Amino acid sequence: MTPQEFARHSWQDSAPAPTLPSLDTLRARSDAFRRKIVRRNWIEYAAGIFVIVMFTAMALLIPVTALRVGAAMVVAGTLVLLWQLHRRASPLTSAEHGGALSLLEYERRELIRQRDALDSVFTWYLLPLLPGMLVVMATPWLSMPVAEWQLPPVGVAMRIGAALAVFGAVYLVNKLAARRLQERIAEIDMLRA
């Protein structure tokens, strides 16, 4: 086979270029993704309000100083978390009258925004809660006189370990979700090429 025949044969056998989805498909996909983000955020806001109410009550009603401080730290961390959720992960306003390319660009930007929020979840979602949760869980240990401090009691160590495991799971789930969003971004980039 000559080089020209090989090139012609390779060109004819190559996969067809991906086709741009219809405008209706892009709108439907974009709207579904936006609804998913809004629903997720409202669930997070509701959970945050619940945490704020419960830990505020704990800070006001329980007479143990370490627990009160830890609960106040959790409330402060939750407020930071909710503010960051709104700032980083609220959906963008969609292009109202754009064509297929502007919708595709909107979807790509939204995917990038959400991917970045999920990818950095440790710094803005988990880290603000961590100090307060550790203080709350270590309250039995912290309530002892300093002279009696030894290794944390088994119950405290287990609670801290369980909380860290949950935090680790949240981190991993968000990293996996960010990876899936990156795959969708790559698909859009192939369409745009």
C-alpha atoms as a PDB file:
ATOM      1  CA  MET A   1       0.000   0.000   0.000  1.00  0.00           C
ATOM      2  CA  THR A   2       1.408   3.372  -0.988  1.00  0.00           C
ATOM      3  CA  PRO A   3       1.562   6.255   1.480  1.00  0.00           C
ATOM      4  CA  GLN A   4      -1.202   8.046  -0.442  1.00  0.00           C
ATOM      5  CA  GLU A   5      -3.467   4.991  -0.321  1.00  0.00           C
ATOM      6  CA  PHE A   6      -2.709   4.534   3.376  1.00  0.00           C
ATOM      7  CA  ALA A   7      -3.565   8.186   4.073  1.00  0.00           C
ATOM      8  CA  ARG A   8      -6.798   7.967   2.038  1.00  0.00           C
ATOM      9  CA  HIS A   9      -7.788   4.705   3.726  1.00  0.00           C
ATOM     10  CA  SER A  10      -7.020   6.083   7.198  1.00  0.00           C
ATOM     11  CA  TRP A  11      -8.969   9.247   6.474  1.00  0.00           C
ATOM     12  CA  GLN A  12     -11.997   7.295   5.231  1.00  0.00           C
ATOM     13  CA  ASP A  13     -11.926   4.963   8.239  1.00  0.00           C
ATOM     14  CA  SER A  14     -11.569   7.720  10.800  1.00  0.00           C
ATOM     15  CA  ALA A  15     -14.434   8.387  13.154  1.00  0.00           C
ATOM     16  CA  PRO A  16     -16.807  11.146  12.150  1.00  0.00           C
ATOM     17  CA  ALA A  17     -16.477  14.431  13.960  1.00  0.00           C
ATOM     18  CA  PRO A  18     -18.891  14.806  16.861  1.00  0.00           C
ATOM     19  CA  THR A  19     -22.008  16.725  15.922  1.00  0.00           C
ATOM     20  CA  LEU A  20     -23.332  19.665  17.851  1.00  0.00           C
ATOM     21  CA  PRO A  21     -26.484  18.781  19.814  1.00  0.00           C
ATOM     22  CA  SER A  22     -29.702  20.538  18.876  1.00  0.00           C
ATOM     23  CA  LEU A  23     -30.642  23.789  20.562  1.00  0.00           C
ATOM     24  CA  ASP A  24     -33.493  22.057  22.406  1.00  0.00           C
ATOM     25  CA  THR A  25     -31.147  19.344  23.670  1.00  0.00           C
ATOM     26  CA  LEU A  26     -28.667  21.943  24.884  1.00  0.00           C
ATOM     27  CA  ARG A  27     -31.413  23.912  26.638  1.00  0.00           C
ATOM     28  CA  ALA A  28     -32.852  20.803  28.271  1.00  0.00           C
ATOM     29  CA  ARG A  29     -29.438  19.625  29.434  1.00  0.00           C
ATOM     30  CA  SER A  30     -28.531  23.076  30.705  1.00  0.00           C
ATOM     31  CA  ASP A  31     -31.852  23.492  32.536  1.00  0.00           C
ATOM     32  CA  ALA A  32     -31.586  20.041  34.116  1.00  0.00           C
ATOM     33  CA  PHE A  33     -28.071  20.770  35.360  1.00  0.00           C
ATOM     34  CA  ARG A  34     -29.166  24.147  36.724  1.00  0.00           C
ATOM     35  CA  ARG A  35     -32.116  22.563  38.566  1.00  0.00           C
ATOM     36  CA  LYS A  36     -29.792  19.945  40.023  1.00  0.00           C
ATOM     37  CA  ILE A  37     -27.442  22.639  41.334  1.00  0.00           C
ATOM     38  CA  VAL A  38     -30.295  24.693  42.788  1.00  0.00           C
ATOM     39  CA  ARG A  39     -31.779  21.608  44.481  1.00  0.00           C
ATOM     40  CA  ARG A  40     -28.396  20.611  45.916  1.00  0.00           C
ATOM     41  CA  ASN A  41     -27.791  24.119  47.227  1.00  0.00           C
ATOM     42  CA  TRP A  42     -31.228  24.348  48.873  1.00  0.00           C
ATOM     43  CA  ILE A  43     -30.615  21.026  50.606  1.00  0.00           C
ATOM     44  CA  GLU A  44     -27.252  22.349  51.806  1.00  0.00           C
ATOM     45  CA  TYR A  45     -28.855  25.601  52.997  1.00  0.00           C
ATOM     46  CA  ALA A  46     -31.544  23.687  54.905  1.00  0.00           C
ATOM     47  CA  ALA A  47     -28.951  21.404  56.493  1.00  0.00           C
ATOM     48  CA  GLY A  48     -26.845  24.439  57.380  1.00  0.00           C
ATOM     49  CA  ILE A  49     -29.779  26.160  59.056  1.00  0.00           C
ATOM     50  CA  PHE A  50     -30.494  22.983  61.022  1.00  0.00           C
ATOM     51  CA  VAL A  51     -26.853  22.797  62.152  1.00  0.00           C
ATOM     52  CA  ILE A  52     -26.867  26.480  63.121  1.00  0.00           C
ATOM     53  CA  VAL A  53     -30.060  26.105  65.174  1.00  0.00           C
ATOM     54  CA  MET A  54     -28.906  22.932  66.941  1.00  0.00           C
ATOM     55  CA  PHE A  55     -25.393  24.117  67.732  1.00  0.00           C
ATOM     56  CA  THR A  56     -26.618  27.562  68.797  1.00  0.00           C
ATOM     57  CA  ALA A  57     -28.963  25.857  71.255  1.00  0.00           C
ATOM     58  CA  MET A  58     -26.057  23.720  72.430  1.00  0.00           C
ATOM     59  CA  ALA A  59     -23.857  26.791  72.898  1.00  0.00           C
ATOM     60  CA  LEU A  60     -26.548  28.581  74.882  1.00  0.00           C
ATOM     61  CA  LEU A  61     -27.980  25.766  76.980  1.00  0.00           C
ATOM     62  CA  ILE A  62     -25.155  23.405  77.905  1.00  0.00           C
ATOM     63  CA  PRO A  63     -23.035  24.621  80.820  1.00  0.00           C
ATOM     64  CA  VAL A  64     -19.758  22.978  79.723  1.00  0.00           C
ATOM     65  CA  THR A  65     -17.389  25.686  78.480  1.00  0.00           C
ATOM     66  CA  ALA A  66     -15.477  23.544  75.978  1.00  0.00           C
ATOM     67  CA  LEU A  67     -18.733  22.351  74.435  1.00  0.00           C
ATOM     68  CA  ARG A  68     -20.068  25.896  74.221  1.00  0.00           C
ATOM     69  CA  VAL A  69     -16.902  27.113  72.507  1.00  0.00           C
ATOM     70  CA  GLY A  70     -16.904  24.160  70.111  1.00  0.00           C
ATOM     71  CA  ALA A  71     -20.583  24.669  69.284  1.00  0.00           C
ATOM     72  CA  ALA A  72     -19.991  28.366  68.602  1.00  0.00           C
ATOM     73  CA  MET A  73     -17.078  27.399  66.347  1.00  0.00           C
ATOM     74  CA  VAL A  74     -19.329  24.985  64.435  1.00  0.00           C
ATOM     75  CA  VAL A  75     -21.929  27.744  63.976  1.00  0.00           C
ATOM     76  CA  ALA A  76     -19.248  30.125  62.687  1.00  0.00           C
ATOM     77  CA  GLY A  77     -17.857  27.424  60.387  1.00  0.00           C
ATOM     78  CA  THR A  78     -21.329  26.673  59.052  1.00  0.00           C
ATOM     79  CA  LEU A  79     -21.924  30.349  58.290  1.00  0.00           C
ATOM     80  CA  VAL A  80     -18.634  30.465  56.379  1.00  0.00           C
ATOM     81  CA  LEU A  81     -19.559  27.252  54.565  1.00  0.00           C
ATOM     82  CA  LEU A  82     -22.979  28.594  53.511  1.00  0.00           C
ATOM     83  CA  TRP A  83     -21.497  31.879  52.335  1.00  0.00           C
ATOM     84  CA  GLN A  84     -18.865  30.008  50.317  1.00  0.00           C
ATOM     85  CA  LEU A  85     -21.500  27.661  48.886  1.00  0.00           C
ATOM     86  CA  HIS A  86     -23.456  30.660  47.652  1.00  0.00           C
ATOM     87  CA  ARG A  87     -20.346  32.389  46.348  1.00  0.00           C
ATOM     88  CA  ARG A  88     -18.706  29.405  44.662  1.00  0.00           C
ATOM     89  CA  ALA A  89     -21.507  27.051  43.690  1.00  0.00           C
ATOM     90  CA  SER A  90     -24.608  29.091  42.898  1.00  0.00           C
ATOM     91  CA  PRO A  91     -25.607  28.551  39.285  1.00  0.00           C
ATOM     92  CA  LEU A  92     -24.762  31.185  36.735  1.00  0.00           C
ATOM     93  CA  THR A  93     -27.529  33.030  34.919  1.00  0.00           C
ATOM     94  CA  SER A  94     -28.153  31.279  31.618  1.00  0.00           C
ATOM     95  CA  ALA A  95     -27.963  32.999  28.272  1.00  0.00           C
ATOM     96  CA  GLU A  96     -31.581  33.847  27.502  1.00  0.00           C
ATOM     97  CA  HIS A  97     -31.497  34.509  23.780  1.00  0.00           C
ATOM     98  CA  GLY A  98     -28.280  32.871  22.681  1.00  0.00           C
ATOM     99  CA  GLY A  99     -27.827  30.303  19.957  1.00  0.00           C
ATOM    100  CA  ALA A 100     -26.436  26.797  20.311  1.00  0.00           C
ATOM    101  CA  LEU A 101     -22.871  27.976  20.805  1.00  0.00           C
ATOM    102  CA  SER A 102     -23.750  30.429  23.552  1.00  0.00           C
ATOM    103  CA  LEU A 103     -25.715  27.718  25.355  1.00  0.00           C
ATOM    104  CA  LEU A 104     -22.813  25.354  24.911  1.00  0.00           C
ATOM    105  CA  GLU A 105     -20.467  27.990  26.289  1.00  0.00           C
ATOM    106  CA  TYR A 106     -22.844  28.606  29.207  1.00  0.00           C
ATOM    107  CA  GLU A 107     -22.930  24.895  29.984  1.00  0.00           C
ATOM    108  CA  ARG A 108     -19.149  24.681  29.795  1.00  0.00           C
ATOM    109  CA  ARG A 109     -18.675  27.654  32.121  1.00  0.00           C
ATOM    110  CA  GLU A 110     -21.185  26.254  34.592  1.00  0.00           C
ATOM    111  CA  LEU A 111     -19.494  22.858  34.533  1.00  0.00           C
ATOM    112  CA  ILE A 112     -16.112  24.499  35.142  1.00  0.00           C
ATOM    113  CA  ARG A 113     -17.528  26.569  37.996  1.00  0.00           C
ATOM    114  CA  GLN A 114     -19.102  23.538  39.657  1.00  0.00           C
ATOM    115  CA  ARG A 115     -16.031  21.377  39.033  1.00  0.00           C
ATOM    116  CA  ASP A 116     -13.811  23.967  40.684  1.00  0.00           C
ATOM    117  CA  ALA A 117     -16.183  24.240  43.655  1.00  0.00           C
ATOM    118  CA  LEU A 118     -16.247  20.469  44.120  1.00  0.00           C
ATOM    119  CA  ASP A 119     -12.527  20.126  43.572  1.00  0.00           C
ATOM    120  CA  SER A 120     -11.731  22.641  46.322  1.00  0.00           C
ATOM    121  CA  VAL A 121     -14.365  21.370  48.773  1.00  0.00           C
ATOM    122  CA  PHE A 122     -11.806  20.735  51.499  1.00  0.00           C
ATOM    123  CA  THR A 123     -10.830  24.389  51.856  1.00  0.00           C
ATOM    124  CA  TRP A 124     -14.260  26.000  51.810  1.00  0.00           C
ATOM    125  CA  TYR A 125     -16.631  23.248  52.972  1.00  0.00           C
ATOM    126  CA  LEU A 126     -14.820  20.902  55.325  1.00  0.00           C
ATOM    127  CA  LEU A 127     -12.072  23.035  56.815  1.00  0.00           C
ATOM    128  CA  PRO A 128     -14.392  25.663  58.375  1.00  0.00           C
ATOM    129  CA  LEU A 129     -16.229  22.894  60.269  1.00  0.00           C
ATOM    130  CA  LEU A 130     -13.227  20.879  61.372  1.00  0.00           C
ATOM    131  CA  PRO A 131     -11.964  22.902  64.378  1.00  0.00           C
ATOM    132  CA  GLY A 132     -15.388  23.235  65.980  1.00  0.00           C
ATOM    133  CA  MET A 133     -16.244  19.586  65.430  1.00  0.00           C
ATOM    134  CA  LEU A 134     -12.950  18.490  66.963  1.00  0.00           C
ATOM    135  CA  VAL A 135     -13.521  20.691  70.021  1.00  0.00           C
ATOM    136  CA  VAL A 136     -17.098  19.417  70.441  1.00  0.00           C
ATOM    137  CA  MET A 137     -16.011  15.794  70.175  1.00  0.00           C
ATOM    138  CA  ALA A 138     -13.007  16.272  72.439  1.00  0.00           C
ATOM    139  CA  THR A 139     -15.051  18.052  75.134  1.00  0.00           C
ATOM    140  CA  PRO A 140     -14.899  15.114  77.596  1.00  0.00           C
ATOM    141  CA  TRP A 141     -11.127  15.166  77.322  1.00  0.00           C
ATOM    142  CA  LEU A 142     -10.880  18.957  77.346  1.00  0.00           C
ATOM    143  CA  SER A 143     -13.119  19.138  80.426  1.00  0.00           C
ATOM    144  CA  MET A 144     -10.553  17.293  82.539  1.00  0.00           C
ATOM    145  CA  PRO A 145      -7.963  19.262  84.456  1.00  0.00           C
ATOM    146  CA  VAL A 146      -4.782  19.633  82.421  1.00  0.00           C
ATOM    147  CA  ALA A 147      -2.808  17.656  84.985  1.00  0.00           C
ATOM    148  CA  GLU A 148      -5.023  14.616  84.253  1.00  0.00           C
ATOM    149  CA  TRP A 149      -4.659  14.759  80.476  1.00  0.00           C
ATOM    150  CA  GLN A 150      -3.505  11.547  78.941  1.00  0.00           C
ATOM    151  CA  LEU A 151      -4.408   9.894  75.701  1.00  0.00           C
ATOM    152  CA  PRO A 152      -7.980  10.714  74.758  1.00  0.00           C
ATOM    153  CA  PRO A 153     -10.545   8.259  76.091  1.00  0.00           C
ATOM    154  CA  VAL A 154     -11.485   5.541  73.615  1.00  0.00           C
ATOM    155  CA  GLY A 155     -14.952   7.025  73.063  1.00  0.00           C
ATOM    156  CA  VAL A 156     -13.490  10.417  72.160  1.00  0.00           C
ATOM    157  CA  ALA A 157     -10.946   8.865  69.823  1.00  0.00           C
ATOM    158  CA  MET A 158     -13.669   6.815  68.126  1.00  0.00           C
ATOM    159  CA  ARG A 159     -15.915   9.869  67.648  1.00  0.00           C
ATOM    160  CA  ILE A 160     -13.057  11.888  66.209  1.00  0.00           C
ATOM    161  CA  GLY A 161     -12.079   8.989  63.955  1.00  0.00           C
ATOM    162  CA  ALA A 162     -15.667   8.563  62.748  1.00  0.00           C
ATOM    163  CA  ALA A 163     -16.007  12.286  62.032  1.00  0.00           C
ATOM    164  CA  LEU A 164     -12.719  12.319  60.145  1.00  0.00           C
ATOM    165  CA  ALA A 165     -13.876   9.280  58.156  1.00  0.00           C
ATOM    166  CA  VAL A 166     -17.094  11.102  57.213  1.00  0.00           C
ATOM    167  CA  PHE A 167     -15.099  14.183  56.239  1.00  0.00           C
ATOM    168  CA  GLY A 168     -12.813  11.961  54.156  1.00  0.00           C
ATOM    169  CA  ALA A 169     -15.796  10.350  52.440  1.00  0.00           C
ATOM    170  CA  VAL A 170     -17.304  13.758  51.645  1.00  0.00           C
ATOM    171  CA  TYR A 171     -13.960  14.839  50.234  1.00  0.00           C
ATOM    172  CA  LEU A 172     -13.638  11.744  48.031  1.00  0.00           C
ATOM    173  CA  VAL A 173     -17.230  11.901  46.773  1.00  0.00           C
ATOM    174  CA  ASN A 174     -16.733  15.521  45.760  1.00  0.00           C
ATOM    175  CA  LYS A 175     -13.419  14.752  44.058  1.00  0.00           C
ATOM    176  CA  LEU A 176     -15.107  11.983  42.049  1.00  0.00           C
ATOM    177  CA  ALA A 177     -17.946  14.321  41.099  1.00  0.00           C
ATOM    178  CA  ALA A 178     -15.397  16.924  39.987  1.00  0.00           C
ATOM    179  CA  ARG A 179     -13.739  14.290  37.811  1.00  0.00           C
ATOM    180  CA  ARG A 180     -17.096  13.432  36.189  1.00  0.00           C
ATOM    181  CA  LEU A 181     -17.716  17.105  35.484  1.00  0.00           C
ATOM    182  CA  GLN A 182     -14.265  17.338  33.912  1.00  0.00           C
ATOM    183  CA  GLU A 183     -15.240  14.517  31.549  1.00  0.00           C
ATOM    184  CA  ARG A 184     -18.316  16.492  30.494  1.00  0.00           C
ATOM    185  CA  ILE A 185     -16.154  19.575  29.963  1.00  0.00           C
ATOM    186  CA  ALA A 186     -13.847  17.513  27.750  1.00  0.00           C
ATOM    187  CA  GLU A 187     -16.866  16.357  25.711  1.00  0.00           C
ATOM    188  CA  ILE A 188     -17.903  19.960  25.156  1.00  0.00           C
ATOM    189  CA  ASP A 189     -14.349  20.881  24.216  1.00  0.00           C
ATOM    190  CA  MET A 190     -14.409  18.130  21.577  1.00  0.00           C
ATOM    191  CA  LEU A 191     -17.635  19.589  20.176  1.00  0.00           C
ATOM    192  CA  ARG A 192     -16.103  23.046  20.041  1.00  0.00           C
ATOM    193  CA  ALA A 193     -12.919  21.884  18.299  1.00  0.00           C
END
